[in-house]
Amino acid sequence: MPSKRLEEKLTKENLWIYILSLLSKKDMYGYELRAEVQKRFGFKPGNVTAYRVLYSLKLKGLVEIVAKAGSGRERKYYHITRAGVEELERGKKVLRETLLKL
């Protein structure tokens, strides 16, 4: 069905916007991000997919890794950069403008 394909394109295939949105609220580690995407947005990204998107965002300078101590060991938290905030805002604008045209 076309609506199912649209749902896939707006969620799993554009996971970056959901991740940046969550990171704009607070730093999170990878597993926490996956769980929060499912809780807040209603879909569960694959484990490998989430980390591939995070890696890509890091390469583009949209997120950075911050090491923080937690539950007995150091953990990698992802932090949105200024460029990431700007890209998130551009993505939201594209979505708003596209939906307004319907």
PDB file of N, CA and C in Angstrom:
ATOM      1  N   MET A   1       0.833  -1.185   0.000  1.00  0.00           N
ATOM      2  CA  MET A   1       0.000   0.000   0.000  1.00  0.00           C
ATOM      3  C   MET A   1       0.884   1.258   0.000  1.00  0.00           C
ATOM      4  N   PRO A   2       0.500   2.253  -0.744  1.00  0.00           N
ATOM      5  CA  PRO A   2       1.279   3.498  -0.781  1.00  0.00           C
ATOM      6  C   PRO A   2       1.433   4.169   0.583  1.00  0.00           C
ATOM      7  N   SER A   3       0.397   4.101   1.411  1.00  0.00           N
ATOM      8  CA  SER A   3       0.495   4.756   2.725  1.00  0.00           C
ATOM      9  C   SER A   3       1.534   4.070   3.610  1.00  0.00           C
ATOM     10  N   LYS A   4       1.687   2.767   3.469  1.00  0.00           N
ATOM     11  CA  LYS A   4       2.701   2.045   4.250  1.00  0.00           C
ATOM     12  C   LYS A   4       4.104   2.474   3.802  1.00  0.00           C
ATOM     13  N   ARG A   5       4.277   2.617   2.502  1.00  0.00           N
ATOM     14  CA  ARG A   5       5.568   3.075   1.970  1.00  0.00           C
ATOM     15  C   ARG A   5       5.881   4.487   2.456  1.00  0.00           C
ATOM     16  N   LEU A   6       4.878   5.347   2.462  1.00  0.00           N
ATOM     17  CA  LEU A   6       5.052   6.708   2.962  1.00  0.00           C
ATOM     18  C   LEU A   6       5.474   6.694   4.425  1.00  0.00           C
ATOM     19  N   GLU A   7       4.838   5.840   5.206  1.00  0.00           N
ATOM     20  CA  GLU A   7       5.195   5.721   6.631  1.00  0.00           C
ATOM     21  C   GLU A   7       6.661   5.312   6.796  1.00  0.00           C
ATOM     22  N   GLU A   8       7.104   4.343   5.995  1.00  0.00           N
ATOM     23  CA  GLU A   8       8.504   3.905   6.049  1.00  0.00           C
ATOM     24  C   GLU A   8       9.455   5.051   5.704  1.00  0.00           C
ATOM     25  N   LYS A   9       9.112   5.807   4.674  1.00  0.00           N
ATOM     26  CA  LYS A   9       9.962   6.923   4.236  1.00  0.00           C
ATOM     27  C   LYS A   9      10.026   8.019   5.296  1.00  0.00           C
ATOM     28  N   LEU A  10       8.925   8.266   5.973  1.00  0.00           N
ATOM     29  CA  LEU A  10       8.878   9.342   6.967  1.00  0.00           C
ATOM     30  C   LEU A  10       9.433   8.929   8.333  1.00  0.00           C
ATOM     31  N   THR A  11       9.647   7.652   8.528  1.00  0.00           N
ATOM     32  CA  THR A  11      10.151   7.202   9.834  1.00  0.00           C
ATOM     33  C   THR A  11      11.541   6.589   9.686  1.00  0.00           C
ATOM     34  N   LYS A  12      11.593   5.319   9.411  1.00  0.00           N
ATOM     35  CA  LYS A  12      12.862   4.586   9.398  1.00  0.00           C
ATOM     36  C   LYS A  12      13.887   5.143   8.418  1.00  0.00           C
ATOM     37  N   GLU A  13      13.435   5.613   7.269  1.00  0.00           N
ATOM     38  CA  GLU A  13      14.379   6.104   6.271  1.00  0.00           C
ATOM     39  C   GLU A  13      14.850   7.529   6.544  1.00  0.00           C
ATOM     40  N   ASN A  14      14.252   8.170   7.511  1.00  0.00           N
ATOM     41  CA  ASN A  14      14.664   9.514   7.917  1.00  0.00           C
ATOM     42  C   ASN A  14      14.871   9.562   9.425  1.00  0.00           C
ATOM     43  N   LEU A  15      15.493   8.531   9.931  1.00  0.00           N
ATOM     44  CA  LEU A  15      15.738   8.394  11.366  1.00  0.00           C
ATOM     45  C   LEU A  15      16.552   9.556  11.920  1.00  0.00           C
ATOM     46  N   TRP A  16      17.377  10.157  11.090  1.00  0.00           N
ATOM     47  CA  TRP A  16      18.251  11.246  11.541  1.00  0.00           C
ATOM     48  C   TRP A  16      17.469  12.367  12.202  1.00  0.00           C
ATOM     49  N   ILE A  17      16.292  12.728  11.666  1.00  0.00           N
ATOM     50  CA  ILE A  17      15.551  13.856  12.224  1.00  0.00           C
ATOM     51  C   ILE A  17      14.977  13.523  13.599  1.00  0.00           C
ATOM     52  N   TYR A  18      14.603  12.278  13.809  1.00  0.00           N
ATOM     53  CA  TYR A  18      14.092  11.845  15.109  1.00  0.00           C
ATOM     54  C   TYR A  18      15.224  11.831  16.140  1.00  0.00           C
ATOM     55  N   ILE A  19      16.385  11.353  15.714  1.00  0.00           N
ATOM     56  CA  ILE A  19      17.542  11.323  16.617  1.00  0.00           C
ATOM     57  C   ILE A  19      17.969  12.728  16.997  1.00  0.00           C
ATOM     58  N   LEU A  20      18.079  13.610  16.028  1.00  0.00           N
ATOM     59  CA  LEU A  20      18.474  14.988  16.345  1.00  0.00           C
ATOM     60  C   LEU A  20      17.434  15.669  17.230  1.00  0.00           C
ATOM     61  N   SER A  21      16.169  15.382  16.996  1.00  0.00           N
ATOM     62  CA  SER A  21      15.116  15.956  17.824  1.00  0.00           C
ATOM     63  C   SER A  21      15.270  15.532  19.281  1.00  0.00           C
ATOM     64  N   LEU A  22      15.523  14.271  19.506  1.00  0.00           N
ATOM     65  CA  LEU A  22      15.713  13.775  20.880  1.00  0.00           C
ATOM     66  C   LEU A  22      16.974  14.357  21.508  1.00  0.00           C
ATOM     67  N   LEU A  23      18.040  14.422  20.731  1.00  0.00           N
ATOM     68  CA  LEU A  23      19.300  14.952  21.262  1.00  0.00           C
ATOM     69  C   LEU A  23      19.229  16.457  21.515  1.00  0.00           C
ATOM     70  N   SER A  24      18.281  17.135  20.895  1.00  0.00           N
ATOM     71  CA  SER A  24      18.132  18.569  21.160  1.00  0.00           C
ATOM     72  C   SER A  24      17.568  18.805  22.563  1.00  0.00           C
ATOM     73  N   LYS A  25      17.008  17.756  23.164  1.00  0.00           N
ATOM     74  CA  LYS A  25      16.455  17.853  24.521  1.00  0.00           C
ATOM     75  C   LYS A  25      17.480  17.448  25.584  1.00  0.00           C
ATOM     76  N   LYS A  26      18.272  16.395  25.272  1.00  0.00           N
ATOM     77  CA  LYS A  26      19.302  15.937  26.213  1.00  0.00           C
ATOM     78  C   LYS A  26      20.250  14.966  25.531  1.00  0.00           C
ATOM     79  N   ASP A  27      21.452  14.843  26.070  1.00  0.00           N
ATOM     80  CA  ASP A  27      22.423  13.868  25.568  1.00  0.00           C
ATOM     81  C   ASP A  27      21.912  12.466  25.886  1.00  0.00           C
ATOM     82  N   MET A  28      22.150  11.533  24.974  1.00  0.00           N
ATOM     83  CA  MET A  28      21.719  10.154  25.181  1.00  0.00           C
ATOM     84  C   MET A  28      22.750   9.193  24.606  1.00  0.00           C
ATOM     85  N   TYR A  29      22.735   7.972  25.084  1.00  0.00           N
ATOM     86  CA  TYR A  29      23.576   6.927  24.511  1.00  0.00           C
ATOM     87  C   TYR A  29      22.736   6.123  23.519  1.00  0.00           C
ATOM     88  N   GLY A  30      23.389   5.337  22.691  1.00  0.00           N
ATOM     89  CA  GLY A  30      22.739   4.668  21.577  1.00  0.00           C
ATOM     90  C   GLY A  30      21.510   3.848  21.920  1.00  0.00           C
ATOM     91  N   TYR A  31      21.622   2.961  22.879  1.00  0.00           N
ATOM     92  CA  TYR A  31      20.494   2.106  23.239  1.00  0.00           C
ATOM     93  C   TYR A  31      19.332   2.953  23.756  1.00  0.00           C
ATOM     94  N   GLU A  32      19.643   3.963  24.534  1.00  0.00           N
ATOM     95  CA  GLU A  32      18.623   4.863  25.078  1.00  0.00           C
ATOM     96  C   GLU A  32      17.885   5.586  23.939  1.00  0.00           C
ATOM     97  N   LEU A  33      18.614   5.997  22.921  1.00  0.00           N
ATOM     98  CA  LEU A  33      18.005   6.671  21.772  1.00  0.00           C
ATOM     99  C   LEU A  33      17.004   5.761  21.069  1.00  0.00           C
ATOM    100  N   ARG A  34      17.387   4.526  20.839  1.00  0.00           N
ATOM    101  CA  ARG A  34      16.487   3.573  20.178  1.00  0.00           C
ATOM    102  C   ARG A  34      15.203   3.400  20.968  1.00  0.00           C
ATOM    103  N   ALA A  35      15.337   3.223  22.270  1.00  0.00           N
ATOM    104  CA  ALA A  35      14.163   3.033  23.128  1.00  0.00           C
ATOM    105  C   ALA A  35      13.282   4.281  23.138  1.00  0.00           C
ATOM    106  N   GLU A  36      13.902   5.438  23.151  1.00  0.00           N
ATOM    107  CA  GLU A  36      13.147   6.697  23.190  1.00  0.00           C
ATOM    108  C   GLU A  36      12.438   6.965  21.860  1.00  0.00           C
ATOM    109  N   VAL A  37      13.057   6.586  20.747  1.00  0.00           N
ATOM    110  CA  VAL A  37      12.389   6.712  19.442  1.00  0.00           C
ATOM    111  C   VAL A  37      11.112   5.882  19.452  1.00  0.00           C
ATOM    112  N   GLN A  38      11.210   4.672  19.948  1.00  0.00           N
ATOM    113  CA  GLN A  38      10.032   3.803  19.998  1.00  0.00           C
ATOM    114  C   GLN A  38       8.958   4.391  20.916  1.00  0.00           C
ATOM    115  N   LYS A  39       9.364   4.866  22.067  1.00  0.00           N
ATOM    116  CA  LYS A  39       8.419   5.417  23.045  1.00  0.00           C
ATOM    117  C   LYS A  39       7.745   6.682  22.528  1.00  0.00           C
ATOM    118  N   ARG A  40       8.527   7.612  21.995  1.00  0.00           N
ATOM    119  CA  ARG A  40       7.991   8.926  21.592  1.00  0.00           C
ATOM    120  C   ARG A  40       7.365   8.943  20.209  1.00  0.00           C
ATOM    121  N   PHE A  41       7.945   8.163  19.269  1.00  0.00           N
ATOM    122  CA  PHE A  41       7.493   8.273  17.888  1.00  0.00           C
ATOM    123  C   PHE A  41       6.802   7.026  17.354  1.00  0.00           C
ATOM    124  N   GLY A  42       6.785   5.934  18.120  1.00  0.00           N
ATOM    125  CA  GLY A  42       5.995   4.762  17.771  1.00  0.00           C
ATOM    126  C   GLY A  42       6.596   3.791  16.775  1.00  0.00           C
ATOM    127  N   PHE A  43       7.891   3.860  16.525  1.00  0.00           N
ATOM    128  CA  PHE A  43       8.531   2.845  15.681  1.00  0.00           C
ATOM    129  C   PHE A  43       9.902   2.530  16.275  1.00  0.00           C
ATOM    130  N   LYS A  44      10.357   1.302  16.016  1.00  0.00           N
ATOM    131  CA  LYS A  44      11.616   0.856  16.601  1.00  0.00           C
ATOM    132  C   LYS A  44      12.655   0.678  15.500  1.00  0.00           C
ATOM    133  N   PRO A  45      13.663   1.551  15.498  1.00  0.00           N
ATOM    134  CA  PRO A  45      14.722   1.379  14.495  1.00  0.00           C
ATOM    135  C   PRO A  45      15.586   0.169  14.832  1.00  0.00           C
ATOM    136  N   GLY A  46      16.138  -0.439  13.813  1.00  0.00           N
ATOM    137  CA  GLY A  46      17.040  -1.554  14.036  1.00  0.00           C
ATOM    138  C   GLY A  46      18.291  -1.102  14.773  1.00  0.00           C
ATOM    139  N   ASN A  47      18.887  -1.995  15.517  1.00  0.00           N
ATOM    140  CA  ASN A  47      20.072  -1.674  16.311  1.00  0.00           C
ATOM    141  C   ASN A  47      21.197  -1.149  15.422  1.00  0.00           C
ATOM    142  N   VAL A  48      21.490  -1.875  14.372  1.00  0.00           N
ATOM    143  CA  VAL A  48      22.566  -1.481  13.469  1.00  0.00           C
ATOM    144  C   VAL A  48      22.207  -0.176  12.757  1.00  0.00           C
ATOM    145  N   THR A  49      20.956  -0.042  12.353  1.00  0.00           N
ATOM    146  CA  THR A  49      20.510   1.161  11.657  1.00  0.00           C
ATOM    147  C   THR A  49      20.731   2.400  12.508  1.00  0.00           C
ATOM    148  N   ALA A  50      20.339   2.345  13.756  1.00  0.00           N
ATOM    149  CA  ALA A  50      20.490   3.501  14.653  1.00  0.00           C
ATOM    150  C   ALA A  50      21.961   3.896  14.772  1.00  0.00           C
ATOM    151  N   TYR A  51      22.833   2.932  14.933  1.00  0.00           N
ATOM    152  CA  TYR A  51      24.259   3.255  15.068  1.00  0.00           C
ATOM    153  C   TYR A  51      24.864   3.742  13.754  1.00  0.00           C
ATOM    154  N   ARG A  52      24.389   3.235  12.631  1.00  0.00           N
ATOM    155  CA  ARG A  52      24.864   3.740  11.332  1.00  0.00           C
ATOM    156  C   ARG A  52      24.466   5.201  11.149  1.00  0.00           C
ATOM    157  N   VAL A  53      23.237   5.532  11.543  1.00  0.00           N
ATOM    158  CA  VAL A  53      22.779   6.921  11.432  1.00  0.00           C
ATOM    159  C   VAL A  53      23.595   7.805  12.367  1.00  0.00           C
ATOM    160  N   LEU A  54      23.833   7.355  13.593  1.00  0.00           N
ATOM    161  CA  LEU A  54      24.646   8.132  14.532  1.00  0.00           C
ATOM    162  C   LEU A  54      26.055   8.351  13.991  1.00  0.00           C
ATOM    163  N   TYR A  55      26.636   7.317  13.400  1.00  0.00           N
ATOM    164  CA  TYR A  55      27.974   7.430  12.831  1.00  0.00           C
ATOM    165  C   TYR A  55      27.983   8.462  11.697  1.00  0.00           C
ATOM    166  N   SER A  56      26.970   8.402  10.843  1.00  0.00           N
ATOM    167  CA  SER A  56      26.856   9.349   9.741  1.00  0.00           C
ATOM    168  C   SER A  56      26.688  10.780  10.261  1.00  0.00           C
ATOM    169  N   LEU A  57      25.856  10.956  11.271  1.00  0.00           N
ATOM    170  CA  LEU A  57      25.660  12.282  11.865  1.00  0.00           C
ATOM    171  C   LEU A  57      26.963  12.804  12.462  1.00  0.00           C
ATOM    172  N   LYS A  58      27.732  11.906  13.055  1.00  0.00           N
ATOM    173  CA  LYS A  58      29.015  12.295  13.642  1.00  0.00           C
ATOM    174  C   LYS A  58      29.995  12.733  12.546  1.00  0.00           C
ATOM    175  N   LEU A  59      30.055  11.966  11.461  1.00  0.00           N
ATOM    176  CA  LEU A  59      30.950  12.321  10.343  1.00  0.00           C
ATOM    177  C   LEU A  59      30.599  13.681   9.741  1.00  0.00           C
ATOM    178  N   LYS A  60      29.328  14.025   9.750  1.00  0.00           N
ATOM    179  CA  LYS A  60      28.872  15.295   9.188  1.00  0.00           C
ATOM    180  C   LYS A  60      28.978  16.447  10.189  1.00  0.00           C
ATOM    181  N   GLY A  61      29.421  16.145  11.403  1.00  0.00           N
ATOM    182  CA  GLY A  61      29.571  17.185  12.419  1.00  0.00           C
ATOM    183  C   GLY A  61      28.267  17.614  13.068  1.00  0.00           C
ATOM    184  N   LEU A  62      27.241  16.783  12.949  1.00  0.00           N
ATOM    185  CA  LEU A  62      25.941  17.127  13.506  1.00  0.00           C
ATOM    186  C   LEU A  62      25.767  16.631  14.942  1.00  0.00           C
ATOM    187  N   VAL A  63      26.545  15.634  15.314  1.00  0.00           N
ATOM    188  CA  VAL A  63      26.594  15.164  16.702  1.00  0.00           C
ATOM    189  C   VAL A  63      28.042  14.912  17.070  1.00  0.00           C
ATOM    190  N   GLU A  64      28.294  14.893  18.345  1.00  0.00           N
ATOM    191  CA  GLU A  64      29.622  14.540  18.852  1.00  0.00           C
ATOM    192  C   GLU A  64      29.449  13.579  20.014  1.00  0.00           C
ATOM    193  N   ILE A  65      30.507  12.860  20.306  1.00  0.00           N
ATOM    194  CA  ILE A  65      30.476  11.898  21.404  1.00  0.00           C
ATOM    195  C   ILE A  65      31.079  12.538  22.639  1.00  0.00           C
ATOM    196  N   VAL A  66      30.373  12.371  23.747  1.00  0.00           N
ATOM    197  CA  VAL A  66      30.837  12.872  25.033  1.00  0.00           C
ATOM    198  C   VAL A  66      30.885  11.667  25.974  1.00  0.00           C
ATOM    199  N   ALA A  67      32.040  11.408  26.536  1.00  0.00           N
ATOM    200  CA  ALA A  67      32.175  10.285  27.469  1.00  0.00           C
ATOM    201  C   ALA A  67      31.720  10.731  28.850  1.00  0.00           C
ATOM    202  N   LYS A  68      30.843   9.927  29.451  1.00  0.00           N
ATOM    203  CA  LYS A  68      30.338  10.219  30.797  1.00  0.00           C
ATOM    204  C   LYS A  68      30.372   8.940  31.606  1.00  0.00           C
ATOM    205  N   ALA A  69      30.686   9.090  32.877  1.00  0.00           N
ATOM    206  CA  ALA A  69      30.670   7.932  33.773  1.00  0.00           C
ATOM    207  C   ALA A  69      29.226   7.595  34.089  1.00  0.00           C
ATOM    208  N   GLY A  70      28.940   6.318  34.101  1.00  0.00           N
ATOM    209  CA  GLY A  70      27.594   5.871  34.444  1.00  0.00           C
ATOM    210  C   GLY A  70      27.607   4.421  34.853  1.00  0.00           C
ATOM    211  N   SER A  71      26.828   4.079  35.817  1.00  0.00           N
ATOM    212  CA  SER A  71      26.670   2.714  36.352  1.00  0.00           C
ATOM    213  C   SER A  71      27.972   1.894  36.310  1.00  0.00           C
ATOM    214  N   GLY A  72      29.015   2.451  36.862  1.00  0.00           N
ATOM    215  CA  GLY A  72      30.260   1.711  37.016  1.00  0.00           C
ATOM    216  C   GLY A  72      31.224   1.745  35.845  1.00  0.00           C
ATOM    217  N   ARG A  73      30.825   2.305  34.726  1.00  0.00           N
ATOM    218  CA  ARG A  73      31.743   2.370  33.586  1.00  0.00           C
ATOM    219  C   ARG A  73      31.463   3.626  32.771  1.00  0.00           C
ATOM    220  N   GLU A  74      32.439   3.952  31.950  1.00  0.00           N
ATOM    221  CA  GLU A  74      32.270   5.118  31.097  1.00  0.00           C
ATOM    222  C   GLU A  74      31.380   4.748  29.912  1.00  0.00           C
ATOM    223  N   ARG A  75      30.514   5.637  29.538  1.00  0.00           N
ATOM    224  CA  ARG A  75      29.576   5.383  28.451  1.00  0.00           C
ATOM    225  C   ARG A  75      29.658   6.520  27.443  1.00  0.00           C
ATOM    226  N   LYS A  76      29.436   6.188  26.151  1.00  0.00           N
ATOM    227  CA  LYS A  76      29.443   7.197  25.092  1.00  0.00           C
ATOM    228  C   LYS A  76      28.053   7.803  24.961  1.00  0.00           C
ATOM    229  N   TYR A  77      27.965   9.081  25.213  1.00  0.00           N
ATOM    230  CA  TYR A  77      26.720   9.819  25.014  1.00  0.00           C
ATOM    231  C   TYR A  77      26.861  10.644  23.753  1.00  0.00           C
ATOM    232  N   TYR A  78      25.773  10.780  23.040  1.00  0.00           N
ATOM    233  CA  TYR A  78      25.760  11.602  21.841  1.00  0.00           C
ATOM    234  C   TYR A  78      25.177  12.960  22.187  1.00  0.00           C
ATOM    235  N   HIS A  79      25.814  13.992  21.664  1.00  0.00           N
ATOM    236  CA  HIS A  79      25.442  15.376  21.936  1.00  0.00           C
ATOM    237  C   HIS A  79      25.252  16.092  20.604  1.00  0.00           C
ATOM    238  N   ILE A  80      24.144  16.789  20.442  1.00  0.00           N
ATOM    239  CA  ILE A  80      23.898  17.532  19.200  1.00  0.00           C
ATOM    240  C   ILE A  80      24.779  18.785  19.166  1.00  0.00           C
ATOM    241  N   THR A  81      25.360  19.054  18.014  1.00  0.00           N
ATOM    242  CA  THR A  81      26.202  20.239  17.848  1.00  0.00           C
ATOM    243  C   THR A  81      25.346  21.409  17.345  1.00  0.00           C
ATOM    244  N   ARG A  82      25.944  22.570  17.287  1.00  0.00           N
ATOM    245  CA  ARG A  82      25.241  23.740  16.732  1.00  0.00           C
ATOM    246  C   ARG A  82      24.799  23.446  15.292  1.00  0.00           C
ATOM    247  N   ALA A  83      25.693  22.824  14.511  1.00  0.00           N
ATOM    248  CA  ALA A  83      25.342  22.465  13.132  1.00  0.00           C
ATOM    249  C   ALA A  83      24.177  21.471  13.116  1.00  0.00           C
ATOM    250  N   GLY A  84      24.133  20.575  14.096  1.00  0.00           N
ATOM    251  CA  GLY A  84      23.037  19.617  14.199  1.00  0.00           C
ATOM    252  C   GLY A  84      21.715  20.298  14.496  1.00  0.00           C
ATOM    253  N   VAL A  85      21.741  21.289  15.371  1.00  0.00           N
ATOM    254  CA  VAL A  85      20.528  22.058  15.688  1.00  0.00           C
ATOM    255  C   VAL A  85      20.035  22.776  14.438  1.00  0.00           C
ATOM    256  N   GLU A  86      20.965  23.364  13.703  1.00  0.00           N
ATOM    257  CA  GLU A  86      20.592  24.077  12.477  1.00  0.00           C
ATOM    258  C   GLU A  86      20.002  23.126  11.436  1.00  0.00           C
ATOM    259  N   GLU A  87      20.597  21.948  11.293  1.00  0.00           N
ATOM    260  CA  GLU A  87      20.087  20.961  10.330  1.00  0.00           C
ATOM    261  C   GLU A  87      18.713  20.443  10.762  1.00  0.00           C
ATOM    262  N   LEU A  88      18.524  20.240  12.048  1.00  0.00           N
ATOM    263  CA  LEU A  88      17.218  19.824  12.568  1.00  0.00           C
ATOM    264  C   LEU A  88      16.162  20.866  12.214  1.00  0.00           C
ATOM    265  N   GLU A  89      16.467  22.125  12.406  1.00  0.00           N
ATOM    266  CA  GLU A  89      15.513  23.191  12.089  1.00  0.00           C
ATOM    267  C   GLU A  89      15.201  23.231  10.601  1.00  0.00           C
ATOM    268  N   ARG A  90      16.221  23.016   9.752  1.00  0.00           N
ATOM    269  CA  ARG A  90      15.981  22.968   8.303  1.00  0.00           C
ATOM    270  C   ARG A  90      15.070  21.791   7.945  1.00  0.00           C
ATOM    271  N   GLY A  91      15.309  20.649   8.571  1.00  0.00           N
ATOM    272  CA  GLY A  91      14.482  19.470   8.313  1.00  0.00           C
ATOM    273  C   GLY A  91      13.037  19.680   8.734  1.00  0.00           C
ATOM    274  N   LYS A  92      12.832  20.293   9.896  1.00  0.00           N
ATOM    275  CA  LYS A  92      11.475  20.583  10.364  1.00  0.00           C
ATOM    276  C   LYS A  92      10.774  21.545   9.411  1.00  0.00           C
ATOM    277  N   LYS A  93      11.511  22.522   8.916  1.00  0.00           N
ATOM    278  CA  LYS A  93      10.939  23.499   7.990  1.00  0.00           C
ATOM    279  C   LYS A  93      10.490  22.806   6.698  1.00  0.00           C
ATOM    280  N   VAL A  94      11.319  21.918   6.178  1.00  0.00           N
ATOM    281  CA  VAL A  94      10.969  21.177   4.959  1.00  0.00           C
ATOM    282  C   VAL A  94       9.682  20.379   5.181  1.00  0.00           C
ATOM    283  N   LEU A  95       9.600  19.706   6.323  1.00  0.00           N
ATOM    284  CA  LEU A  95       8.398  18.911   6.618  1.00  0.00           C
ATOM    285  C   LEU A  95       7.156  19.802   6.723  1.00  0.00           C
ATOM    286  N   ARG A  96       7.266  20.897   7.458  1.00  0.00           N
ATOM    287  CA  ARG A  96       6.120  21.815   7.598  1.00  0.00           C
ATOM    288  C   ARG A  96       5.678  22.341   6.240  1.00  0.00           C
ATOM    289  N   GLU A  97       6.617  22.816   5.450  1.00  0.00           N
ATOM    290  CA  GLU A  97       6.274  23.390   4.153  1.00  0.00           C
ATOM    291  C   GLU A  97       5.684  22.345   3.202  1.00  0.00           C
ATOM    292  N   THR A  98       6.190  21.146   3.263  1.00  0.00           N
ATOM    293  CA  THR A  98       5.672  20.073   2.406  1.00  0.00           C
ATOM    294  C   THR A  98       4.248  19.721   2.799  1.00  0.00           C
ATOM    295  N   LEU A  99       3.992  19.591   4.096  1.00  0.00           N
ATOM    296  CA  LEU A  99       2.656  19.230   4.553  1.00  0.00           C
ATOM    297  C   LEU A  99       1.639  20.340   4.298  1.00  0.00           C
ATOM    298  N   LEU A 100       2.069  21.572   4.347  1.00  0.00           N
ATOM    299  CA  LEU A 100       1.161  22.678   4.084  1.00  0.00           C
ATOM    300  C   LEU A 100       0.691  22.705   2.637  1.00  0.00           C
ATOM    301  N   LYS A 101       1.468  22.114   1.754  1.00  0.00           N
ATOM    302  CA  LYS A 101       1.108  22.089   0.331  1.00  0.00           C
ATOM    303  C   LYS A 101       0.048  21.040   0.020  1.00  0.00           C
ATOM    304  N   LEU A 102      -0.182  20.120   0.934  1.00  0.00           N
ATOM    305  CA  LEU A 102      -1.172  19.035   0.661  1.00  0.00           C
ATOM    306  C   LEU A 102      -2.593  19.527   0.772  1.00  0.00           C
TER     307      LEU A 102
END
